[in-house]
């Protein structure tokens, strides 16, 4: 009987003989299934938390509680675009004031990073891969937290962001609204819909939501493992060097890439989640992935801007522009200053180093940051 190690070596040897085009097609297929898994995970969490999310936004006056509401609502619906578009709608109809909504959209920026953090947990079994993946995921967390720490007090003291956004909104308020359907997002939704149709044969209601989460996590874990292995073989060292050299020369390239990809897929979660296996496999350096996540912050504001233009309400447009200004100003304050540029990356690296040795801390960090702290904060401060 063959030893397990010998069997794995044989499988690896056969996989290594795959022609480049076939392997590329395999990676694209796996990437699609990975995105389907993310969508199933999002749908399951949203199914469990939709009613609760609707009630979250009501009667919130404390700005810090509003920040926690934005985090928790985004975790529950797994999309900052959905959260900010909902906030835009509430502001446009008078359900929320602009002042109350500003901390909520800042919280949405923090909450949207949970998907990439969950994806990084799929690498828990491989220490070095996990360290790189968890660093790539949490550097986005740290950047958004630092940006909120800088800009929320400024906004509360001066109203700088919302007043600037209002002037911009007044300038462009004559623009007509519009909609944008992403073919990539639609294709992924189609695949997720087919899987959900099968799951509906076995369950319904909350049980269906839980089953969707379980199947989604299974898709994510399995496809990530295969993507990481195949990408390592597919992308030669020369291409790796060229990719990293291009991004290292100018962070603006990475920011632009992150922004365009996020606009195309209409989800910063998808953009940042795609980066995790690239960084985990060593194809993309953490520092070169960093500006791409910042570009995703800007790209994700497009959905709310379109929603605001469609409402025709000045206050709705004001809060959407505030979201954009917040992300752009955050990059200017942190990334454009060399001495502080990589503080989020360094903090994430230290956290990942500790989590690599004590992996349970990664689970505590994820659940505590995105669920426990926001709930306690809302209960205490609301």
Protein backbone atom coordinates (compact mmCIF):
# COMPACT_ATOMS: atom_id res chain seq x y z
CA UNK A 1 0.00 0.00 0.00
CA UNK A 2 1.42 3.40 -0.99
CA UNK A 3 2.41 5.91 1.64
CA UNK A 4 0.26 9.12 1.76
CA UNK A 5 3.32 11.26 1.07
CA UNK A 6 4.15 9.22 -2.05
CA UNK A 7 0.57 9.55 -3.29
CA UNK A 8 0.64 13.33 -2.81
CA UNK A 9 3.96 13.53 -4.65
CA UNK A 10 2.50 11.53 -7.55
CA UNK A 11 -0.57 13.81 -7.76
CA UNK A 12 1.66 16.89 -7.61
CA UNK A 13 3.90 15.51 -10.37
CA UNK A 14 0.91 14.85 -12.62
CA UNK A 15 -0.50 18.32 -11.92
CA UNK A 16 2.84 19.88 -12.79
CA UNK A 17 2.61 18.34 -16.28
CA UNK A 18 -0.61 20.21 -17.09
CA UNK A 19 -0.17 22.54 -20.10
CA UNK A 20 -0.13 26.25 -19.24
CA UNK A 21 -3.45 27.09 -21.00
CA UNK A 22 -5.21 24.18 -19.28
CA UNK A 23 -3.87 25.25 -15.90
CA UNK A 24 -4.93 28.85 -16.56
CA UNK A 25 -8.45 27.67 -17.43
CA UNK A 26 -8.46 25.58 -14.25
CA UNK A 27 -7.46 28.61 -12.16
CA UNK A 28 -10.18 30.77 -13.77
CA UNK A 29 -12.76 28.04 -13.07
CA UNK A 30 -11.58 27.73 -9.47
CA UNK A 31 -11.66 31.51 -9.08
CA UNK A 32 -15.25 31.53 -10.31
CA UNK A 33 -16.21 28.82 -7.80
CA UNK A 34 -14.38 30.79 -5.11
CA UNK A 35 -16.48 33.88 -5.89
CA UNK A 36 -19.62 31.72 -5.91
CA UNK A 37 -18.61 30.52 -2.43
CA UNK A 38 -18.14 34.11 -1.24
CA UNK A 39 -21.58 35.00 -2.66
CA UNK A 40 -23.19 31.99 -0.93
CA UNK A 41 -21.52 33.03 2.33
CA UNK A 42 -22.78 36.60 1.90
CA UNK A 43 -26.30 35.42 1.05
CA UNK A 44 -26.48 33.10 4.04
CA UNK A 45 -25.32 35.76 6.50
CA UNK A 46 -27.66 38.31 4.93
CA UNK A 47 -30.55 35.83 5.20
CA UNK A 48 -29.95 35.41 8.91
CA UNK A 49 -29.50 39.09 9.63
CA UNK A 50 -31.72 41.05 7.21
CA UNK A 51 -34.53 41.89 9.66
CA UNK A 52 -32.05 42.77 12.39
CA UNK A 53 -30.10 44.98 10.00
CA UNK A 54 -33.20 47.00 9.08
CA UNK A 55 -33.81 47.75 12.74
CA UNK A 56 -30.19 48.71 13.40
CA UNK A 57 -30.39 52.10 11.70
CA UNK A 58 -33.41 53.34 13.66
CA UNK A 59 -33.06 55.92 16.44
CA UNK A 60 -29.26 56.08 16.54
CA UNK A 61 -28.04 59.44 17.82
CA UNK A 62 -24.67 58.66 19.43
CA UNK A 63 -21.97 58.92 16.71
CA UNK A 64 -19.84 56.09 18.15
CA UNK A 65 -22.93 53.87 18.27
CA UNK A 66 -23.53 54.88 14.66
CA UNK A 67 -20.00 53.75 13.82
CA UNK A 68 -20.69 50.34 15.39
CA UNK A 69 -24.03 50.13 13.55
CA UNK A 70 -22.18 50.63 10.26
CA UNK A 71 -19.70 47.87 11.13
CA UNK A 72 -22.31 45.35 12.25
CA UNK A 73 -24.77 46.07 9.41
CA UNK A 74 -22.00 45.56 6.85
CA UNK A 75 -20.90 42.31 8.49
CA UNK A 76 -24.49 41.05 8.38
CA UNK A 77 -25.10 41.90 4.71
CA UNK A 78 -21.44 41.29 3.71
CA UNK A 79 -21.32 44.36 1.51
CA UNK A 80 -20.40 47.96 2.26
CA UNK A 81 -22.09 48.90 -1.02
CA UNK A 82 -25.41 47.51 0.25
CA UNK A 83 -24.99 49.26 3.61
CA UNK A 84 -24.06 52.63 2.15
CA UNK A 85 -26.79 52.43 -0.50
CA UNK A 86 -29.31 51.68 2.28
CA UNK A 87 -28.00 54.65 4.27
CA UNK A 88 -28.26 56.86 1.17
CA UNK A 89 -31.88 55.79 0.74
CA UNK A 90 -32.70 56.49 4.40
CA UNK A 91 -31.06 59.91 4.25
CA UNK A 92 -32.82 60.72 0.97
CA UNK A 93 -36.23 59.90 2.50
CA UNK A 94 -35.54 61.71 5.77
CA UNK A 95 -35.18 58.53 7.82
CA UNK A 96 -31.66 59.55 8.83
CA UNK A 97 -29.92 62.89 9.10
CA UNK A 98 -26.62 63.46 7.31
CA UNK A 99 -24.92 63.97 10.68
CA UNK A 100 -26.14 60.61 11.99
CA UNK A 101 -25.26 58.83 8.74
CA UNK A 102 -21.60 59.93 8.50
CA UNK A 103 -20.30 57.66 11.32
CA UNK A 104 -22.34 54.78 9.85
CA UNK A 105 -20.62 54.97 6.47
CA UNK A 106 -17.26 55.10 8.24
CA UNK A 107 -18.25 51.94 10.10
CA UNK A 108 -19.20 50.32 6.78
CA UNK A 109 -15.60 50.80 5.65
CA UNK A 110 -14.39 48.77 8.62
CA UNK A 111 -17.10 46.13 8.37
CA UNK A 112 -16.42 45.36 4.71
CA UNK A 113 -12.98 43.97 5.56
CA UNK A 114 -14.45 40.98 7.41
CA UNK A 115 -14.81 38.91 4.21
CA UNK A 116 -11.09 39.02 3.41
CA UNK A 117 -10.30 38.22 7.05
CA UNK A 118 -12.56 35.14 6.91
CA UNK A 119 -10.92 34.10 3.64
CA UNK A 120 -7.49 34.38 5.27
CA UNK A 121 -8.61 31.91 7.94
CA UNK A 122 -8.80 29.27 5.20
CA UNK A 123 -4.98 29.17 5.32
CA UNK A 124 -4.79 28.33 9.04
CA UNK A 125 -3.19 24.92 8.43
CA UNK A 126 -0.17 26.33 6.55
CA UNK A 127 1.70 28.65 8.92
CA UNK A 128 3.66 30.79 6.42
CA UNK A 129 0.75 31.03 3.99
CA UNK A 130 -1.52 32.00 6.88
CA UNK A 131 0.90 34.66 8.12
CA UNK A 132 1.00 36.32 4.69
CA UNK A 133 -2.75 35.94 4.12
CA UNK A 134 -3.72 37.26 7.55
CA UNK A 135 -1.35 40.22 7.14
CA UNK A 136 -2.91 41.06 3.76
CA UNK A 137 -6.41 40.87 5.23
CA UNK A 138 -5.86 42.79 8.45
CA UNK A 139 -3.74 45.60 6.95
CA UNK A 140 -7.03 46.75 5.40
CA UNK A 141 -8.65 46.56 8.86
CA UNK A 142 -5.91 48.65 10.43
CA UNK A 143 -5.91 51.24 7.63
CA UNK A 144 -9.66 51.79 7.93
CA UNK A 145 -9.56 51.93 11.73
CA UNK A 146 -6.72 54.49 11.64
CA UNK A 147 -8.58 56.56 9.04
CA UNK A 148 -11.73 56.57 11.18
CA UNK A 149 -9.70 57.50 14.27
CA UNK A 150 -8.31 60.51 12.38
CA UNK A 151 -11.38 61.70 10.51
CA UNK A 152 -14.36 60.95 12.77
CA UNK A 153 -13.23 63.38 15.53
CA UNK A 154 -12.48 65.99 12.84
CA UNK A 155 -15.95 65.55 11.35
CA UNK A 156 -17.66 65.70 14.76
CA UNK A 157 -15.75 68.86 15.70
CA UNK A 158 -16.00 70.77 12.42
CA UNK A 159 -18.39 69.01 10.03
CA UNK A 160 -15.61 69.34 7.45
CA UNK A 161 -16.43 66.21 5.42
CA UNK A 162 -20.19 66.64 5.24
CA UNK A 163 -20.04 70.38 4.55
CA UNK A 164 -17.50 69.85 1.76
CA UNK A 165 -19.61 67.02 0.37
CA UNK A 166 -22.72 69.21 0.44
CA UNK A 167 -21.02 71.87 -1.67
CA UNK A 168 -19.92 69.22 -4.18
CA UNK A 169 -23.41 67.69 -4.17
CA UNK A 170 -24.95 71.10 -4.87
CA UNK A 171 -22.57 71.53 -7.79
CA UNK A 172 -23.43 68.20 -9.41
CA UNK A 173 -27.07 67.92 -8.33
CA UNK A 174 -28.22 68.65 -11.86
CA UNK A 175 -26.71 65.32 -13.01
CA UNK A 176 -29.11 62.54 -13.93
CA UNK A 177 -29.13 59.25 -12.10
CA UNK A 178 -28.24 55.92 -13.59
CA UNK A 179 -27.70 52.26 -12.94
CA UNK A 180 -24.78 49.96 -13.59
CA UNK A 181 -25.00 46.21 -13.91
CA UNK A 182 -21.72 44.35 -13.57
CA UNK A 183 -21.55 41.29 -15.88
CA UNK A 184 -19.03 39.70 -13.51
CA UNK A 185 -21.29 40.19 -10.51
CA UNK A 186 -24.27 38.92 -12.52
CA UNK A 187 -22.40 35.79 -13.62
CA UNK A 188 -21.33 34.99 -10.06
CA UNK A 189 -24.87 35.61 -8.83
CA UNK A 190 -26.16 33.20 -11.48
CA UNK A 191 -23.83 30.43 -10.26
CA UNK A 192 -24.71 31.09 -6.63
CA UNK A 193 -28.39 31.03 -7.57
CA UNK A 194 -28.04 27.58 -9.14
CA UNK A 195 -26.40 26.24 -5.98
CA UNK A 196 -29.05 27.88 -3.80
CA UNK A 197 -31.77 26.23 -5.92
CA UNK A 198 -30.27 22.85 -5.09
CA UNK A 199 -29.99 23.72 -1.40
CA UNK A 200 -33.66 24.76 -1.34
CA UNK A 201 -34.54 21.13 -2.06
CA UNK A 202 -33.21 20.20 1.37
CA UNK A 203 -34.08 23.17 3.61
CA UNK A 204 -35.76 26.56 3.94
CA UNK A 205 -35.77 29.70 6.10
CA UNK A 206 -32.96 30.08 8.63
CA UNK A 207 -31.86 26.49 8.02
CA UNK A 208 -31.32 27.34 4.35
CA UNK A 209 -29.27 30.39 5.36
CA UNK A 210 -27.07 28.28 7.65
CA UNK A 211 -26.66 25.64 4.93
CA UNK A 212 -25.68 28.38 2.47
CA UNK A 213 -23.02 29.61 4.90
CA UNK A 214 -21.63 26.09 5.37
CA UNK A 215 -21.52 25.35 1.64
CA UNK A 216 -20.07 28.79 0.93
CA UNK A 217 -17.26 28.27 3.45
CA UNK A 218 -16.62 24.83 1.92
CA UNK A 219 -16.31 26.36 -1.56
CA UNK A 220 -13.99 29.09 -0.26
CA UNK A 221 -11.67 26.72 1.65
CA UNK A 222 -11.42 24.10 -1.10
CA UNK A 223 -10.98 26.48 -4.04
CA UNK A 224 -8.46 28.65 -2.16
CA UNK A 225 -6.23 25.65 -1.50
CA UNK A 226 -6.31 24.65 -5.19
CA UNK A 227 -5.94 28.22 -6.49
CA UNK A 228 -2.90 28.84 -4.31
CA UNK A 229 -1.16 25.66 -5.51
CA UNK A 230 -1.94 26.21 -9.19
CA UNK A 231 -1.12 29.92 -9.21
CA UNK A 232 2.28 29.16 -7.77
CA UNK A 233 3.01 26.87 -10.73
CA UNK A 234 1.30 29.02 -13.36
CA UNK A 235 2.98 32.31 -12.50
CA UNK A 236 6.69 32.03 -13.18
CA UNK A 237 9.25 33.81 -11.03
CA UNK A 238 9.93 36.32 -13.81
CA UNK A 239 6.26 37.32 -13.96
CA UNK A 240 6.17 37.58 -10.19
CA UNK A 241 9.13 39.95 -10.25
CA UNK A 242 7.60 42.03 -13.05
CA UNK A 243 4.24 42.29 -11.25
CA UNK A 244 5.79 43.31 -7.95
CA UNK A 245 8.24 45.69 -9.63
CA UNK A 246 5.41 47.48 -11.46
CA UNK A 247 3.40 47.91 -8.27
CA UNK A 248 6.48 48.86 -6.24
CA UNK A 249 7.40 51.68 -8.64
CA UNK A 250 4.18 53.55 -7.99
CA UNK A 251 1.47 52.92 -5.43
CA UNK A 252 -0.85 54.90 -7.69
CA UNK A 253 -0.86 51.96 -10.10
CA UNK A 254 -2.10 49.66 -7.35
CA UNK A 255 -4.71 52.18 -6.18
CA UNK A 256 -5.96 52.56 -9.76
CA UNK A 257 -6.10 48.77 -10.25
CA UNK A 258 -8.03 48.28 -7.00
CA UNK A 259 -10.46 51.04 -7.90
CA UNK A 260 -11.17 49.76 -11.43
CA UNK A 261 -11.53 46.11 -10.38
CA UNK A 262 -13.92 47.07 -7.56
CA UNK A 263 -16.03 49.21 -9.89
CA UNK A 264 -16.17 46.27 -12.32
CA UNK A 265 -17.27 43.69 -9.73
CA UNK A 266 -19.12 46.23 -7.54
CA UNK A 267 -17.66 44.76 -4.38
CA UNK A 268 -14.55 45.71 -2.44
CA UNK A 269 -14.91 42.40 -0.57
CA UNK A 270 -14.40 40.48 -3.81
CA UNK A 271 -11.37 42.60 -4.78
CA UNK A 272 -9.63 42.17 -1.44
CA UNK A 273 -10.58 38.49 -1.17
CA UNK A 274 -8.99 37.79 -4.56
CA UNK A 275 -5.74 39.28 -3.25
CA UNK A 276 -5.53 36.85 -0.32
CA UNK A 277 -4.50 33.70 -2.27
CA UNK A 278 -2.07 35.76 -4.38
CA UNK A 279 -0.33 37.05 -1.26
CA UNK A 280 -0.58 33.71 0.56
CA UNK A 281 1.21 31.93 -2.29
CA UNK A 282 3.93 34.59 -2.38
CA UNK A 283 3.06 35.74 -5.90
CA UNK A 284 2.19 39.24 -4.68
CA UNK A 285 4.10 40.95 -1.88
CA UNK A 286 2.03 42.26 1.00
CA UNK A 287 3.25 45.83 0.55
CA UNK A 288 2.36 45.75 -3.14
CA UNK A 289 -1.14 44.43 -2.40
CA UNK A 290 -1.66 47.24 0.11
CA UNK A 291 -2.44 50.09 -2.35
CA UNK A 292 -4.85 47.81 -4.26
CA UNK A 293 -6.98 47.51 -1.11
CA UNK A 294 -6.98 51.30 -0.79
CA UNK A 295 -8.17 51.64 -4.37
CA UNK A 296 -10.95 49.20 -3.51
CA UNK A 297 -12.07 51.63 -0.79
CA UNK A 298 -12.63 54.29 -3.43
CA UNK A 299 -14.15 51.95 -6.02
CA UNK A 300 -16.79 50.68 -3.61
CA UNK A 301 -18.27 54.19 -3.24
CA UNK A 302 -19.50 54.20 -6.86
CA UNK A 303 -22.60 52.13 -6.05
CA UNK A 304 -23.78 54.59 -3.41
CA UNK A 305 -23.07 57.53 -5.72
CA UNK A 306 -25.23 55.97 -8.43
CA UNK A 307 -27.95 55.22 -5.89
CA UNK A 308 -27.82 58.83 -4.68
CA UNK A 309 -28.05 60.21 -8.21
CA UNK A 310 -31.05 57.98 -8.81
CA UNK A 311 -32.87 59.32 -5.71
CA UNK A 312 -32.52 62.94 -6.82
CA UNK A 313 -32.26 64.02 -3.16
CA UNK A 314 -29.53 66.49 -2.21
CA UNK A 315 -28.98 64.98 1.25
CA UNK A 316 -28.69 61.49 -0.25
CA UNK A 317 -26.06 62.71 -2.70
CA UNK A 318 -24.30 64.56 0.12
CA UNK A 319 -23.81 61.40 2.20
CA UNK A 320 -22.63 59.43 -0.85
CA UNK A 321 -20.06 62.12 -1.69
CA UNK A 322 -19.04 62.16 1.98
CA UNK A 323 -18.19 58.47 1.68
CA UNK A 324 -15.99 59.13 -1.35
CA UNK A 325 -14.27 62.11 0.28
CA UNK A 326 -13.65 60.06 3.43
CA UNK A 327 -11.81 57.35 1.48
CA UNK A 328 -9.83 59.75 -0.70
CA UNK A 329 -8.81 61.91 2.26
CA UNK A 330 -7.84 58.80 4.24
CA UNK A 331 -5.40 57.83 1.49
CA UNK A 332 -4.00 61.36 1.40
CA UNK A 333 -3.53 61.44 5.17
CA UNK A 334 -1.97 58.00 5.59
CA UNK A 335 -0.63 56.60 2.32
CA UNK A 336 0.80 59.81 0.85
CA UNK A 337 3.06 60.40 3.88
CA UNK A 338 6.09 58.05 3.64
CA UNK A 339 6.75 57.91 7.39
CA UNK A 340 3.25 56.66 8.23
CA UNK A 341 2.40 54.91 4.94
CA UNK A 342 3.14 51.37 6.05
CA UNK A 343 2.01 51.59 9.69
CA UNK A 344 -1.14 49.52 8.91
CA UNK A 345 1.02 46.88 7.18
CA UNK A 346 3.46 46.74 10.10
CA UNK A 347 0.65 46.44 12.66
CA UNK A 348 -0.99 43.70 10.57
CA UNK A 349 2.32 41.86 10.28
CA UNK A 350 2.82 41.88 14.04
CA UNK A 351 -0.73 40.64 14.63
CA UNK A 352 -0.27 37.89 12.02
CA UNK A 353 3.01 36.84 13.64
CA UNK A 354 1.25 36.35 16.98
CA UNK A 355 -1.76 34.67 15.33
CA UNK A 356 0.52 32.26 13.46
CA UNK A 357 1.79 30.94 16.81
CA UNK A 358 -1.59 31.03 18.54
CA UNK A 359 -4.11 30.46 15.80
CA UNK A 360 -7.09 30.70 18.13
CA UNK A 361 -6.27 34.41 18.48
CA UNK A 362 -7.13 34.89 14.78
CA UNK A 363 -10.63 33.57 15.45
CA UNK A 364 -10.98 35.71 18.59
CA UNK A 365 -9.79 38.80 16.68
CA UNK A 366 -12.21 38.24 13.80
CA UNK A 367 -15.28 37.45 15.91
CA UNK A 368 -14.46 40.05 18.56
CA UNK A 369 -13.69 42.92 16.18
CA UNK A 370 -16.59 42.45 13.81
CA UNK A 371 -19.34 41.04 16.05
CA UNK A 372 -18.77 41.27 19.82
CA UNK A 373 -17.35 44.80 20.08
CA UNK A 374 -19.97 46.38 17.74
CA UNK A 375 -22.89 44.66 19.55
CA UNK A 376 -21.60 45.68 22.99
CA UNK A 377 -20.96 49.22 21.73
CA UNK A 378 -24.47 49.53 20.29
CA UNK A 379 -26.12 48.17 23.43
CA UNK A 380 -24.12 50.44 25.74
CA UNK A 381 -24.13 53.66 23.69
CA UNK A 382 -27.39 53.59 21.75
